[in-house]
Amino acid sequence: MAPSFRLSSAPESADEATAHNKEIYDQLRRVAETFPSAPSLIGLPCSRHLDGWYTFTNGVVSSMVIKEHLTARATDIFLTTFPKSSTTWLKVLLYSTLHRGTDELVAHSPHQLVPFLESQVFVNDRIPDLSSLSSPRLFMTHIPSQSLPNSVATSGCKVVYLCRDPKDCFVSLWHFWNRFMPWDIDEAHRQFCDGVSQFGPFWEHILGYWRWHVEKPNQVLFLTYEELAADTLGQLRRLAEFVGCPFTTEEQKHGVDRNIVEACALENMSGLEVNRSGTITIVDSTVPNNTFFRRGVVGDWRNHLTPEMARRIDEITKSKFKGSGLLLHPQFLQVKRE
């Protein structure tokens, strides 16, 4: 197998970043200007996509370019998450599984190995030609299910969705953006609960992929961070089986899967020099790799949210998920069942 691609090795079309591509982006920027107004996020311009979700305006434009100019293949694998749902961990686990090795983790950050489509690949007026990439191609996106290219659903390609306790997800989001600018937690909490967050509302993002999973469980795998943290090896084997790359009995005997789990552990990944001091480019900003690694502790929200803040998120979660059949990990509930 020769899965995935690094951003630096992605083939470029002959006219990339030319006047033709700029014309496409400019046209979609004008379209985005007609979308309903939205509150700013951390002081930056935000748009509400016609499909009902929010993000920074350049992300909305990139998502529209992706929808029109990325054609999925049956052999593709799309990793999908709401931001700060342990995206980085999912990337390295699956990349290492497909490659049956972890050597590249030492020299390349997870976001170089599996770049974000909407903030690293289809950005700055670029429309790269990805058709010559070998299969299976491994892509990563935060785009909600309803706004993906139609070919993702019709091709039958594999989609892996990872979600997380909304309270932990919110706290992780808040910590992440505070690395770049002050963000009052009360204001951040209010916006999150109102659904105004990157690629949010949070609950609709999850429900879109959950319903797709229920309809087509052989195409969409639905995972929770809490399950992955509690049984990483078991969930990794489940993930490998789903994408058609199961660990053989012999590989398990020799600890190939266990070695991947150990190499991809947060403690190991955050200690690698490339993740301690390296940087990546997100859109047109240089971002330190270490900003993508924090604690990863289930239930860490208890150290940051007041009981009322937690209760508000829990109430919304119960209301939004009612009748969906989606049963989340007990950690999603403020009061644990004994």
Protein backbone atom coordinates (compact mmCIF):
# COMPACT_ATOMS: atom_id res chain seq x y z
CA MET A 1 0.00 0.00 0.00
CA ALA A 2 1.06 3.57 -0.62
CA PRO A 3 -1.57 5.53 1.28
CA SER A 4 -1.94 9.23 1.92
CA PHE A 5 0.34 12.03 0.89
CA ARG A 6 2.45 14.72 2.47
CA LEU A 7 1.56 18.29 1.61
CA SER A 8 4.99 18.83 0.11
CA SER A 9 4.58 15.88 -2.24
CA ALA A 10 1.03 16.54 -3.45
CA PRO A 11 1.06 16.93 -7.24
CA GLU A 12 0.10 20.37 -8.47
CA SER A 13 -1.91 21.15 -11.56
CA ALA A 14 -0.09 23.15 -14.22
CA ASP A 15 -2.23 26.19 -13.57
CA GLU A 16 -2.18 26.08 -9.79
CA ALA A 17 -2.36 29.54 -8.18
CA THR A 18 -2.83 31.05 -11.65
CA ALA A 19 -5.40 33.59 -12.70
CA HIS A 20 -7.88 30.79 -13.49
CA ASN A 21 -7.80 29.40 -9.96
CA LYS A 22 -7.92 32.86 -8.45
CA GLU A 23 -11.01 33.57 -10.53
CA ILE A 24 -12.70 30.48 -9.07
CA TYR A 25 -11.85 31.51 -5.52
CA ASP A 26 -12.85 35.12 -6.11
CA GLN A 27 -16.21 34.03 -7.49
CA LEU A 28 -16.86 31.88 -4.41
CA ARG A 29 -15.70 34.67 -2.12
CA ARG A 30 -18.39 36.85 -3.67
CA VAL A 31 -20.91 34.06 -3.09
CA ALA A 32 -19.84 33.79 0.56
CA GLU A 33 -20.42 37.52 0.98
CA THR A 34 -24.13 36.88 0.32
CA PHE A 35 -24.40 34.31 3.12
CA PRO A 36 -26.19 35.22 6.36
CA SER A 37 -24.11 37.37 8.66
CA ALA A 38 -22.48 35.68 11.61
CA PRO A 39 -20.79 36.82 14.82
CA SER A 40 -17.01 36.97 14.68
CA LEU A 41 -15.04 34.09 16.16
CA ILE A 42 -12.17 35.17 18.42
CA GLY A 43 -12.37 38.51 16.63
CA LEU A 44 -11.97 37.03 13.14
CA PRO A 45 -14.49 37.22 10.27
CA CYS A 46 -16.95 34.32 10.35
CA SER A 47 -19.57 33.17 7.86
CA ARG A 48 -22.63 30.96 8.11
CA HIS A 49 -22.65 28.45 5.27
CA LEU A 50 -26.00 27.95 3.58
CA ASP A 51 -25.90 24.36 4.88
CA GLY A 52 -26.24 25.81 8.39
CA TRP A 53 -22.74 25.76 9.89
CA TYR A 54 -20.18 28.37 10.85
CA THR A 55 -16.47 28.88 10.39
CA PHE A 56 -13.96 31.51 9.38
CA THR A 57 -14.89 32.98 6.01
CA ASN A 58 -11.83 31.58 4.22
CA GLY A 59 -12.78 28.11 5.47
CA VAL A 60 -16.27 28.44 4.01
CA VAL A 61 -14.77 29.42 0.65
CA SER A 62 -12.29 26.52 0.73
CA SER A 63 -15.09 24.08 1.53
CA MET A 64 -16.99 25.22 -1.54
CA VAL A 65 -13.90 24.81 -3.72
CA ILE A 66 -13.41 21.30 -2.32
CA LYS A 67 -17.03 20.38 -3.00
CA GLU A 68 -16.68 21.36 -6.64
CA HIS A 69 -13.11 20.29 -7.38
CA LEU A 70 -12.36 17.17 -5.33
CA THR A 71 -13.66 13.90 -6.72
CA ALA A 72 -13.61 11.00 -4.30
CA ARG A 73 -12.64 7.48 -5.31
CA ALA A 74 -14.02 4.24 -3.91
CA THR A 75 -10.59 3.54 -2.43
CA ASP A 76 -10.31 6.88 -0.56
CA ILE A 77 -10.37 7.21 3.22
CA PHE A 78 -11.73 10.41 4.74
CA LEU A 79 -10.95 11.19 8.39
CA THR A 80 -13.56 13.58 9.77
CA THR A 81 -13.86 15.31 13.12
CA PHE A 82 -15.19 18.38 14.84
CA PRO A 83 -12.16 20.54 15.77
CA LYS A 84 -10.31 19.49 18.93
CA SER A 85 -11.77 16.00 19.04
CA SER A 86 -8.31 14.39 19.07
CA THR A 87 -7.87 14.81 15.35
CA THR A 88 -4.08 14.66 15.64
CA TRP A 89 -4.17 11.27 17.37
CA LEU A 90 -6.54 9.81 14.78
CA LYS A 91 -4.25 10.98 11.97
CA VAL A 92 -1.13 9.27 13.29
CA LEU A 93 -2.92 6.08 14.29
CA LEU A 94 -4.42 5.53 10.86
CA TYR A 95 -1.39 6.77 8.91
CA SER A 96 0.88 4.40 10.85
CA THR A 97 -1.58 1.55 10.43
CA LEU A 98 -1.75 1.95 6.66
CA HIS A 99 2.04 2.22 6.44
CA ARG A 100 2.65 -0.50 9.04
CA GLY A 101 5.32 1.66 10.62
CA THR A 102 5.99 4.80 12.62
CA ASP A 103 9.38 5.97 11.33
CA GLU A 104 7.92 8.99 9.55
CA LEU A 105 6.46 10.32 12.80
CA VAL A 106 9.95 11.28 13.93
CA ALA A 107 10.60 13.67 11.05
CA HIS A 108 7.12 14.90 10.12
CA SER A 109 4.27 16.34 12.14
CA PRO A 110 0.88 14.60 11.90
CA HIS A 111 -0.43 17.57 9.92
CA GLN A 112 2.31 17.21 7.34
CA LEU A 113 1.56 13.52 6.93
CA VAL A 114 -2.21 14.02 6.70
CA PRO A 115 -2.94 17.71 5.96
CA PHE A 116 -6.30 19.37 6.40
CA LEU A 117 -8.07 19.75 3.07
CA GLU A 118 -9.69 23.08 3.91
CA SER A 119 -6.79 24.80 5.69
CA GLN A 120 -3.64 23.31 4.15
CA VAL A 121 -4.45 21.88 0.72
CA PHE A 122 -7.23 23.94 -0.88
CA VAL A 123 -6.00 27.34 0.32
CA ASN A 124 -4.48 30.54 -1.03
CA ASP A 125 -6.17 30.11 -4.42
CA ARG A 126 -4.74 26.60 -4.85
CA ILE A 127 -6.63 23.80 -6.57
CA PRO A 128 -4.14 20.93 -6.54
CA ASP A 129 -4.45 17.98 -8.87
CA LEU A 130 -4.77 15.00 -6.54
CA SER A 131 -5.87 12.54 -9.24
CA SER A 132 -2.42 11.05 -9.68
CA LEU A 133 -1.99 10.15 -6.02
CA SER A 134 -1.78 6.42 -5.43
CA SER A 135 -4.57 4.60 -3.64
CA PRO A 136 -5.73 4.61 -0.98
CA ARG A 137 -5.66 8.38 -0.59
CA LEU A 138 -6.00 9.50 3.04
CA PHE A 139 -7.73 12.85 3.53
CA MET A 140 -8.62 14.87 6.62
CA THR A 141 -11.39 17.42 7.03
CA HIS A 142 -13.62 19.16 9.58
CA ILE A 143 -16.28 19.89 6.94
CA PRO A 144 -19.78 18.78 8.03
CA SER A 145 -21.20 15.77 6.21
CA GLN A 146 -23.82 17.71 4.25
CA SER A 147 -21.17 19.92 2.65
CA LEU A 148 -18.70 17.27 1.50
CA PRO A 149 -18.34 16.60 -2.24
CA ASN A 150 -21.25 14.48 -3.45
CA SER A 151 -18.76 11.91 -4.69
CA VAL A 152 -17.76 11.05 -1.12
CA ALA A 153 -21.16 9.47 -0.56
CA THR A 154 -21.72 8.07 -4.04
CA SER A 155 -18.25 6.54 -4.42
CA GLY A 156 -18.69 4.34 -1.38
CA CYS A 157 -15.30 5.39 -0.01
CA LYS A 158 -14.56 4.92 3.68
CA VAL A 159 -15.33 7.68 6.18
CA VAL A 160 -14.00 7.57 9.74
CA TYR A 161 -15.63 9.97 12.21
CA LEU A 162 -14.26 10.65 15.69
CA CYS A 163 -16.25 12.64 18.24
CA ARG A 164 -15.64 13.69 21.83
CA ASP A 165 -17.48 14.78 24.97
CA PRO A 166 -18.69 18.29 24.09
CA LYS A 167 -17.46 19.69 27.40
CA ASP A 168 -13.92 18.39 26.88
CA CYS A 169 -14.07 19.46 23.25
CA PHE A 170 -15.08 22.99 24.23
CA VAL A 171 -12.32 23.29 26.82
CA SER A 172 -9.76 22.06 24.31
CA LEU A 173 -10.99 24.62 21.76
CA TRP A 174 -10.76 27.39 24.33
CA HIS A 175 -7.23 26.42 25.35
CA PHE A 176 -6.12 26.16 21.72
CA TRP A 177 -7.26 29.65 20.72
CA ASN A 178 -5.90 31.15 23.92
CA ARG A 179 -2.46 30.21 22.65
CA PHE A 180 -2.91 32.91 20.02
CA MET A 181 -5.13 35.54 21.63
CA PRO A 182 -7.07 36.08 24.86
CA TRP A 183 -10.58 34.59 24.73
CA ASP A 184 -12.90 35.03 27.68
CA ILE A 185 -14.22 31.61 28.66
CA ASP A 186 -17.72 32.91 29.41
CA GLU A 187 -17.98 34.46 25.96
CA ALA A 188 -16.50 31.34 24.37
CA HIS A 189 -19.00 29.15 26.25
CA ARG A 190 -21.93 31.31 25.17
CA GLN A 191 -20.93 31.13 21.51
CA PHE A 192 -20.34 27.37 21.69
CA CYS A 193 -23.78 26.78 23.22
CA ASP A 194 -25.32 29.06 20.57
CA GLY A 195 -23.73 26.87 17.91
CA VAL A 196 -21.32 29.55 16.73
CA SER A 197 -18.01 27.74 16.60
CA GLN A 198 -15.65 26.44 13.94
CA PHE A 199 -17.67 24.05 11.77
CA GLY A 200 -20.42 24.15 14.38
CA PRO A 201 -22.97 23.77 15.76
CA PHE A 202 -21.14 20.94 17.52
CA TRP A 203 -24.23 18.77 17.94
CA GLU A 204 -25.41 19.01 14.35
CA HIS A 205 -21.89 18.14 13.18
CA ILE A 206 -21.99 14.90 15.17
CA LEU A 207 -25.57 14.05 14.22
CA GLY A 208 -24.85 14.42 10.52
CA TYR A 209 -22.13 11.78 10.61
CA TRP A 210 -24.03 9.62 13.12
CA ARG A 211 -27.10 9.38 10.86
CA TRP A 212 -24.87 8.59 7.89
CA HIS A 213 -23.25 5.84 9.96
CA VAL A 214 -26.66 4.42 10.91
CA GLU A 215 -27.74 4.44 7.26
CA LYS A 216 -24.46 3.06 5.88
CA PRO A 217 -22.41 1.44 8.66
CA ASN A 218 -20.12 -0.24 6.14
CA GLN A 219 -19.13 3.16 4.74
CA VAL A 220 -19.00 5.33 7.88
CA LEU A 221 -17.25 4.27 11.07
CA PHE A 222 -18.33 6.22 14.15
CA LEU A 223 -15.82 6.38 17.02
CA THR A 224 -15.67 8.27 20.29
CA TYR A 225 -12.51 9.60 21.87
CA GLU A 226 -13.54 8.06 25.17
CA GLU A 227 -13.69 4.58 23.60
CA LEU A 228 -10.37 5.13 21.88
CA ALA A 229 -8.71 6.27 25.10
CA ALA A 230 -10.14 3.37 27.14
CA ASP A 231 -9.15 0.63 24.66
CA THR A 232 -6.74 2.05 22.12
CA LEU A 233 -5.49 -1.30 20.88
CA GLY A 234 -8.97 -2.74 20.42
CA GLN A 235 -10.23 0.36 18.63
CA LEU A 236 -7.12 0.47 16.42
CA ARG A 237 -7.80 -3.11 15.31
CA ARG A 238 -11.41 -2.17 14.63
CA LEU A 239 -10.24 0.85 12.61
CA ALA A 240 -7.76 -1.24 10.60
CA GLU A 241 -10.44 -3.81 9.81
CA PHE A 242 -12.84 -1.11 8.69
CA VAL A 243 -10.44 0.46 6.18
CA GLY A 244 -9.58 -2.94 4.74
CA CYS A 245 -6.15 -3.21 6.29
CA PRO A 246 -6.58 -5.61 9.25
CA PHE A 247 -3.69 -6.74 11.38
CA THR A 248 -2.94 -10.38 10.69
CA THR A 249 -2.54 -12.93 13.45
CA GLU A 250 1.18 -12.95 12.75
CA GLU A 251 1.39 -9.15 13.00
CA GLN A 252 -0.46 -9.20 16.28
CA LYS A 253 1.85 -11.93 17.55
CA HIS A 254 4.87 -9.75 16.76
CA GLY A 255 3.26 -6.68 18.33
CA VAL A 256 2.98 -4.55 15.19
CA ASP A 257 -0.31 -3.06 16.37
CA ARG A 258 0.93 -2.58 19.94
CA ASN A 259 4.03 -0.78 18.69
CA ILE A 260 1.83 1.63 16.74
CA VAL A 261 -0.27 2.34 19.82
CA GLU A 262 2.84 3.05 21.88
CA ALA A 263 4.50 5.23 19.23
CA CYS A 264 1.31 7.26 18.72
CA ALA A 265 0.64 7.82 22.42
CA LEU A 266 0.31 11.49 23.40
CA GLU A 267 3.28 11.30 25.73
CA ASN A 268 5.52 10.02 22.97
CA MET A 269 4.21 12.25 20.17
CA SER A 270 4.43 15.45 22.22
CA GLY A 271 8.02 14.64 23.15
CA LEU A 272 9.28 14.31 19.58
CA GLU A 273 11.50 17.18 18.51
CA VAL A 274 9.45 17.86 15.37
CA ASN A 275 6.36 18.40 17.54
CA ARG A 276 8.18 20.33 20.25
CA SER A 277 9.88 22.92 18.07
CA GLY A 278 8.61 22.51 14.50
CA THR A 279 5.90 24.52 12.75
CA ILE A 280 3.31 24.06 10.02
CA THR A 281 1.45 26.51 7.82
CA ILE A 282 -2.31 26.76 8.29
CA VAL A 283 -3.80 28.88 5.49
CA ASP A 284 -1.24 31.71 5.64
CA SER A 285 -0.22 31.50 9.31
CA THR A 286 2.75 29.71 10.85
CA VAL A 287 1.55 27.56 13.74
CA PRO A 288 3.83 25.81 16.25
CA ASN A 289 3.32 22.04 16.22
CA ASN A 290 3.22 21.94 20.02
CA THR A 291 -0.10 23.84 20.03
CA PHE A 292 -1.79 20.64 18.83
CA PHE A 293 -0.76 18.70 21.94
CA ARG A 294 -2.23 19.29 25.38
CA ARG A 295 -3.44 16.87 28.03
CA GLY A 296 -5.95 14.65 26.26
CA VAL A 297 -7.51 13.68 29.60
CA VAL A 298 -11.11 12.46 29.61
CA GLY A 299 -13.12 14.66 31.98
CA ASP A 300 -10.59 17.52 32.11
CA TRP A 301 -13.52 19.91 31.71
CA ARG A 302 -14.06 19.60 35.47
CA ASN A 303 -10.95 21.70 36.00
CA HIS A 304 -12.26 24.60 33.91
CA LEU A 305 -16.08 24.72 33.78
CA THR A 306 -18.43 25.82 36.51
CA PRO A 307 -21.27 23.39 37.35
CA GLU A 308 -23.69 25.71 35.57
CA MET A 309 -21.57 25.84 32.41
CA ALA A 310 -21.32 22.05 32.36
CA ARG A 311 -25.04 21.67 33.04
CA ARG A 312 -25.90 23.94 30.13
CA ILE A 313 -23.85 21.88 27.68
CA ASP A 314 -25.34 18.65 29.05
CA GLU A 315 -28.87 19.97 28.63
CA ILE A 316 -28.24 20.90 25.01
CA THR A 317 -26.63 17.51 24.34
CA LYS A 318 -29.59 15.59 25.74
CA SER A 319 -32.07 17.75 23.86
CA LYS A 320 -30.23 17.60 20.52
CA PHE A 321 -29.54 13.86 20.62
CA LYS A 322 -32.99 12.83 21.86
CA GLY A 323 -34.53 10.27 19.53
CA SER A 324 -31.39 9.88 17.43
CA GLY A 325 -30.39 6.54 18.91
CA LEU A 326 -26.96 7.99 19.65
CA LEU A 327 -25.77 6.72 23.01
CA LEU A 328 -22.57 8.38 24.04
CA HIS A 329 -19.92 7.36 26.52
CA PRO A 330 -20.97 7.82 30.19
CA GLN A 331 -18.33 10.55 30.48
CA PHE A 332 -20.59 12.70 28.31
CA LEU A 333 -22.94 12.93 31.30
CA GLN A 334 -22.19 15.31 34.13
CA VAL A 335 -23.56 12.87 36.71
CA LYS A 336 -22.04 9.43 36.33
CA ARG A 337 -24.30 6.41 36.66
CA GLU A 338 -23.08 4.00 39.31
